[in-house]
Amino acid sequence: MSKICAICGKGPSFGNNVSHANNKTAKTWYPNLQKVKALRNGTVSTIKVCTRCIRSGRVTKAL
């Protein structure tokens, strides 16, 4: 499964680790995704959502 939020589309970001000696190595930062049972289009489904969307109330959790 992809590492992309189902609500906002947030995905991995890329950059470099930079050491004190200015050595650069590739680095990937992933969003904090959680599997959540949520209401989508009137049905309950399990989706991967970032914690920012959960916290801000963009996700309606299933009871």
N, C-alpha and C. Protein backbone atom coordinates (compact mmCIF):
# COMPACT_ATOMS: atom_id res chain seq x y z
N MET A 1 0.84 -1.18 0.00
CA MET A 1 0.00 0.00 0.00
C MET A 1 0.88 1.25 0.00
N SER A 2 0.35 2.31 -0.60
CA SER A 2 1.13 3.52 -0.71
C SER A 2 1.18 4.28 0.62
N LYS A 3 2.16 5.14 0.74
CA LYS A 3 2.35 5.93 1.96
C LYS A 3 1.81 7.33 1.72
N ILE A 4 0.51 7.40 1.34
CA ILE A 4 -0.14 8.66 1.02
C ILE A 4 -1.44 8.76 1.81
N CYS A 5 -1.71 9.92 2.37
CA CYS A 5 -2.94 10.15 3.12
C CYS A 5 -4.13 10.13 2.17
N ALA A 6 -5.21 9.42 2.55
CA ALA A 6 -6.39 9.30 1.70
C ALA A 6 -7.21 10.59 1.69
N ILE A 7 -7.01 11.48 2.65
CA ILE A 7 -7.80 12.70 2.73
C ILE A 7 -7.08 13.88 2.05
N CYS A 8 -5.88 14.19 2.51
CA CYS A 8 -5.20 15.39 2.01
C CYS A 8 -4.16 15.10 0.93
N GLY A 9 -3.78 13.84 0.76
CA GLY A 9 -2.81 13.50 -0.28
C GLY A 9 -1.36 13.71 0.14
N LYS A 10 -1.13 13.93 1.43
CA LYS A 10 0.24 14.13 1.91
C LYS A 10 1.04 12.85 1.71
N GLY A 11 2.24 12.97 1.16
CA GLY A 11 3.08 11.81 0.88
C GLY A 11 4.50 12.04 1.35
N PRO A 12 5.40 11.16 0.96
CA PRO A 12 6.80 11.28 1.38
C PRO A 12 7.44 12.55 0.83
N SER A 13 8.37 13.11 1.62
CA SER A 13 9.17 14.23 1.13
C SER A 13 10.63 13.79 1.15
N PHE A 14 11.41 14.37 0.27
CA PHE A 14 12.78 13.91 0.05
C PHE A 14 13.77 15.03 0.30
N GLY A 15 14.95 14.64 0.72
CA GLY A 15 16.01 15.61 0.96
C GLY A 15 17.30 14.88 1.29
N ASN A 16 18.18 15.56 1.99
CA ASN A 16 19.47 14.98 2.33
C ASN A 16 19.71 15.05 3.83
N ASN A 17 20.34 13.99 4.36
CA ASN A 17 20.97 14.09 5.67
C ASN A 17 22.30 14.78 5.44
N VAL A 18 22.58 15.78 6.25
CA VAL A 18 23.85 16.49 6.09
C VAL A 18 24.63 16.36 7.39
N SER A 19 25.80 15.74 7.31
CA SER A 19 26.63 15.52 8.49
C SER A 19 27.42 16.78 8.82
N HIS A 20 28.09 16.74 9.95
CA HIS A 20 28.93 17.86 10.37
C HIS A 20 30.05 18.09 9.36
N ALA A 21 30.50 17.02 8.69
CA ALA A 21 31.54 17.12 7.68
C ALA A 21 30.96 17.47 6.30
N ASN A 22 29.67 17.80 6.28
CA ASN A 22 28.95 18.20 5.07
C ASN A 22 28.82 17.05 4.06
N ASN A 23 28.84 15.80 4.57
CA ASN A 23 28.54 14.66 3.71
C ASN A 23 27.03 14.58 3.54
N LYS A 24 26.57 14.29 2.32
CA LYS A 24 25.14 14.26 2.06
C LYS A 24 24.72 12.85 1.65
N THR A 25 23.68 12.33 2.30
CA THR A 25 23.10 11.05 1.93
C THR A 25 21.60 11.23 1.78
N ALA A 26 21.01 10.47 0.88
CA ALA A 26 19.59 10.61 0.59
C ALA A 26 18.76 10.25 1.80
N LYS A 27 17.67 10.99 2.01
CA LYS A 27 16.81 10.79 3.17
C LYS A 27 15.36 10.97 2.72
N THR A 28 14.47 10.14 3.25
CA THR A 28 13.04 10.25 2.96
C THR A 28 12.29 10.39 4.27
N TRP A 29 11.40 11.38 4.33
CA TRP A 29 10.54 11.57 5.50
C TRP A 29 9.13 11.15 5.12
N TYR A 30 8.54 10.27 5.94
CA TYR A 30 7.21 9.77 5.67
C TYR A 30 6.21 10.43 6.60
N PRO A 31 4.98 10.67 6.13
CA PRO A 31 3.95 11.21 7.02
C PRO A 31 3.52 10.17 8.03
N ASN A 32 3.01 10.63 9.17
CA ASN A 32 2.55 9.74 10.23
C ASN A 32 1.15 9.25 9.87
N LEU A 33 1.07 8.08 9.21
CA LEU A 33 -0.21 7.54 8.75
C LEU A 33 -0.73 6.50 9.73
N GLN A 34 -2.04 6.52 9.93
CA GLN A 34 -2.71 5.56 10.80
C GLN A 34 -3.85 4.92 10.02
N LYS A 35 -4.07 3.63 10.25
CA LYS A 35 -5.24 2.97 9.67
C LYS A 35 -6.43 3.26 10.55
N VAL A 36 -7.50 3.82 9.97
CA VAL A 36 -8.66 4.25 10.72
C VAL A 36 -9.92 3.75 10.02
N LYS A 37 -10.86 3.25 10.81
CA LYS A 37 -12.18 2.92 10.26
C LYS A 37 -12.97 4.21 10.22
N ALA A 38 -13.35 4.63 9.03
CA ALA A 38 -14.00 5.92 8.88
C ALA A 38 -15.20 5.81 7.94
N LEU A 39 -16.09 6.78 8.07
CA LEU A 39 -17.24 6.86 7.18
C LEU A 39 -16.84 7.58 5.90
N ARG A 40 -17.00 6.91 4.76
CA ARG A 40 -16.75 7.52 3.46
C ARG A 40 -17.89 7.14 2.55
N ASN A 41 -18.56 8.14 2.02
CA ASN A 41 -19.70 7.94 1.12
C ASN A 41 -20.79 7.08 1.75
N GLY A 42 -20.98 7.24 3.05
CA GLY A 42 -22.03 6.51 3.75
C GLY A 42 -21.69 5.09 4.15
N THR A 43 -20.49 4.62 3.84
CA THR A 43 -20.09 3.27 4.22
C THR A 43 -18.84 3.33 5.10
N VAL A 44 -18.66 2.30 5.89
CA VAL A 44 -17.48 2.22 6.76
C VAL A 44 -16.37 1.51 6.00
N SER A 45 -15.21 2.14 5.94
CA SER A 45 -14.06 1.52 5.29
C SER A 45 -12.80 1.88 6.06
N THR A 46 -11.78 1.05 5.94
CA THR A 46 -10.49 1.31 6.57
C THR A 46 -9.63 2.10 5.60
N ILE A 47 -9.18 3.26 6.04
CA ILE A 47 -8.35 4.11 5.19
C ILE A 47 -7.09 4.51 5.96
N LYS A 48 -6.06 4.87 5.21
CA LYS A 48 -4.83 5.38 5.81
C LYS A 48 -4.91 6.90 5.81
N VAL A 49 -4.82 7.47 7.01
CA VAL A 49 -4.99 8.91 7.17
C VAL A 49 -3.85 9.45 8.02
N CYS A 50 -3.36 10.65 7.68
CA CYS A 50 -2.31 11.25 8.49
C CYS A 50 -2.91 11.79 9.79
N THR A 51 -2.09 11.91 10.80
CA THR A 51 -2.57 12.33 12.11
C THR A 51 -3.04 13.78 12.10
N ARG A 52 -2.55 14.59 11.21
CA ARG A 52 -3.01 15.98 11.11
C ARG A 52 -4.48 16.01 10.69
N CYS A 53 -4.89 15.14 9.75
CA CYS A 53 -6.29 15.08 9.33
C CYS A 53 -7.19 14.54 10.43
N ILE A 54 -6.70 13.57 11.19
CA ILE A 54 -7.48 13.02 12.30
C ILE A 54 -7.68 14.09 13.37
N ARG A 55 -6.61 14.81 13.71
CA ARG A 55 -6.65 15.82 14.75
C ARG A 55 -7.54 17.00 14.37
N SER A 56 -7.52 17.39 13.09
CA SER A 56 -8.26 18.57 12.67
C SER A 56 -9.73 18.29 12.41
N GLY A 57 -10.13 17.01 12.49
CA GLY A 57 -11.55 16.66 12.34
C GLY A 57 -11.98 16.45 10.91
N ARG A 58 -11.06 16.25 9.99
CA ARG A 58 -11.42 15.99 8.60
C ARG A 58 -11.93 14.57 8.39
N VAL A 59 -11.70 13.70 9.40
CA VAL A 59 -12.11 12.30 9.31
C VAL A 59 -13.25 12.07 10.29
N THR A 60 -14.31 11.42 9.81
CA THR A 60 -15.42 11.02 10.67
C THR A 60 -15.22 9.56 11.03
N LYS A 61 -14.80 9.30 12.25
CA LYS A 61 -14.54 7.92 12.68
C LYS A 61 -15.83 7.14 12.79
N ALA A 62 -15.78 5.85 12.43
CA ALA A 62 -16.94 4.97 12.56
C ALA A 62 -17.07 4.55 14.01
N LEU A 63 -18.30 4.36 14.44
CA LEU A 63 -18.55 3.95 15.82
C LEU A 63 -18.53 2.46 15.96
